[in-house]
Protein backbone atom coordinates (compact mmCIF):
# COMPACT_ATOMS: atom_id res chain seq x y z
CA UNK A 1 62.32 61.25 18.64
CA UNK A 2 58.44 59.68 18.68
CA UNK A 3 57.88 56.11 18.61
CA UNK A 4 54.99 54.86 16.87
CA UNK A 5 53.30 51.75 17.94
CA UNK A 6 52.62 49.29 15.04
CA UNK A 7 50.26 46.57 14.96
CA UNK A 8 52.14 43.45 13.28
CA UNK A 9 48.49 42.06 12.47
CA UNK A 10 46.74 45.02 11.25
CA UNK A 11 43.93 43.17 9.64
CA UNK A 12 43.26 40.48 12.28
CA UNK A 13 40.46 42.51 13.71
CA UNK A 14 38.72 42.78 10.30
CA UNK A 15 39.11 38.99 9.86
CA UNK A 16 37.68 38.15 13.38
CA UNK A 17 34.57 40.42 12.68
CA UNK A 18 34.02 38.70 9.23
CA UNK A 19 34.16 35.30 10.96
CA UNK A 20 31.89 36.31 13.50
CA UNK A 21 29.42 37.73 11.01
CA UNK A 22 29.60 34.49 8.94
CA UNK A 23 28.93 32.25 12.01
CA UNK A 24 25.93 34.38 12.91
CA UNK A 25 24.44 34.58 9.35
CA UNK A 26 24.72 30.83 8.93
CA UNK A 27 22.72 29.95 12.02
CA UNK A 28 19.22 28.47 11.01
CA UNK A 29 16.03 30.15 12.07
CA UNK A 30 13.65 27.90 13.42
CA UNK A 31 9.87 28.60 13.56
CA UNK A 32 7.72 27.75 16.56
CA UNK A 33 8.27 24.66 18.59
CA UNK A 34 5.93 21.66 19.13
CA UNK A 35 6.62 20.29 22.47
CA UNK A 36 5.69 16.90 24.21
CA UNK A 37 6.53 16.39 27.79
CA UNK A 38 5.83 14.57 30.93
CA UNK A 39 7.49 14.36 34.40
CA UNK A 40 10.66 13.06 33.07
CA UNK A 41 11.23 14.05 29.28
CA UNK A 42 10.89 17.21 27.01
CA UNK A 43 11.10 16.51 23.26
CA UNK A 44 10.61 19.59 21.14
CA UNK A 45 10.13 19.63 17.28
CA UNK A 46 10.41 22.63 14.78
CA UNK A 47 7.02 23.21 13.32
CA UNK A 48 8.32 24.25 9.69
CA UNK A 49 10.91 21.68 9.10
CA UNK A 50 10.04 18.90 11.81
CA UNK A 51 13.72 18.71 12.95
CA UNK A 52 14.36 17.82 16.67
CA UNK A 53 15.33 20.98 18.33
CA UNK A 54 15.24 20.05 21.97
CA UNK A 55 15.44 16.71 24.05
CA UNK A 56 15.81 16.94 27.76
CA UNK A 57 15.70 14.35 30.66
CA UNK A 58 13.93 16.59 33.24
CA UNK A 59 14.43 14.25 36.17
CA UNK A 60 18.26 14.55 35.73
CA UNK A 61 18.41 17.97 34.13
CA UNK A 62 20.56 16.26 31.39
CA UNK A 63 20.05 18.35 28.03
CA UNK A 64 20.61 15.63 25.49
CA UNK A 65 20.10 17.93 22.45
CA UNK A 66 21.29 21.39 23.20
CA UNK A 67 22.02 22.63 19.81
CA UNK A 68 19.06 22.87 17.58
CA UNK A 69 20.96 23.49 14.70
CA UNK A 70 22.21 20.06 14.82
CA UNK A 71 18.92 18.55 14.98
CA UNK A 72 17.36 16.50 12.09
CA UNK A 73 13.94 15.29 11.19
CA UNK A 74 14.84 11.99 9.32
CA UNK A 75 17.18 10.22 6.96
CA UNK A 76 15.25 7.76 4.48
CA UNK A 77 16.74 5.21 2.19
CA UNK A 78 14.68 5.19 -1.08
CA UNK A 79 16.58 2.89 -3.59
CA UNK A 80 15.68 3.66 -7.30
CA UNK A 81 15.65 1.37 -10.12
CA UNK A 82 18.85 2.61 -11.45
CA UNK A 83 20.52 3.59 -8.33
CA UNK A 84 20.17 1.76 -5.16
CA UNK A 85 22.09 4.52 -2.90
CA UNK A 86 19.52 7.34 -2.85
CA UNK A 87 18.77 8.83 0.45
CA UNK A 88 16.03 11.41 1.24
CA UNK A 89 17.44 13.89 3.94
CA UNK A 90 14.78 15.47 6.21
CA UNK A 91 16.87 18.99 6.36
CA UNK A 92 16.11 19.33 2.58
CA UNK A 93 12.21 18.87 3.15
CA UNK A 94 9.61 21.26 4.30
CA UNK A 95 7.01 20.01 6.66
CA UNK A 96 3.58 19.57 4.87
CA UNK A 97 1.42 19.08 8.00
CA UNK A 98 1.67 19.31 11.53
CA UNK A 99 -1.17 18.53 13.93
CA UNK A 100 -1.85 17.61 17.50
CA UNK A 101 -4.79 15.12 17.72
CA UNK A 102 -4.26 15.14 21.41
CA UNK A 103 -2.23 16.49 24.14
CA UNK A 104 0.18 13.59 24.48
CA UNK A 105 0.33 13.01 20.43
CA UNK A 106 2.18 15.01 17.57
CA UNK A 107 1.98 13.92 13.95
CA UNK A 108 4.40 15.33 11.46
CA UNK A 109 3.94 14.69 7.84
CA UNK A 110 6.21 15.40 4.71
CA UNK A 111 4.78 15.09 1.05
CA UNK A 112 6.51 14.95 -2.45
CA UNK A 113 10.09 14.25 -0.93
CA UNK A 114 12.96 15.56 -2.61
CA UNK A 115 16.04 13.25 -3.07
CA UNK A 116 19.53 14.04 -4.49
CA UNK A 117 19.35 11.52 -7.27
CA UNK A 118 15.78 10.97 -7.98
CA UNK A 119 14.27 14.48 -7.80
CA UNK A 120 10.86 14.89 -6.42
CA UNK A 121 9.42 11.39 -5.31
CA UNK A 122 5.71 11.10 -5.08
CA UNK A 123 5.61 9.68 -1.65
CA UNK A 124 4.28 10.74 1.75
CA UNK A 125 6.31 10.16 5.10
CA UNK A 126 4.54 10.51 8.43
CA UNK A 127 5.86 10.47 11.71
CA UNK A 128 3.89 10.01 15.03
CA UNK A 129 5.19 10.93 18.35
CA UNK A 130 3.20 9.69 21.43
CA UNK A 131 3.92 10.76 24.93
CA UNK A 132 2.99 7.90 27.51
CA UNK A 133 2.32 8.83 31.19
CA UNK A 134 4.25 7.47 33.91
CA UNK A 135 2.90 4.46 35.73
């Protein structure tokens, strides 16, 4: 008499592979990073979206932001005449301009911002980051 080993969960392996494939395919792809740093702090932004991708306290080796996919660029409240609750979310925008006027300055700019309830808004939002030296 032969005994045959049966698997009570024959589809579990397939389910696990599908879950892993889904997680891997959802992970965002970031462009190059723009980095500002000094002796104690490192800040990195994605050059395509402007999202914060890394933040690290170098003096204590504490990685404050370690998951780039959770980093965002901004959230802007833009009330409309017929709707006060209207936000412009940075993750839905594409960076229009990225420049480095100097080694310790980074300028990120978004134009024609897209909001959920107001469509494309004819406005520009600019963020300047300045790394100051230690004294």
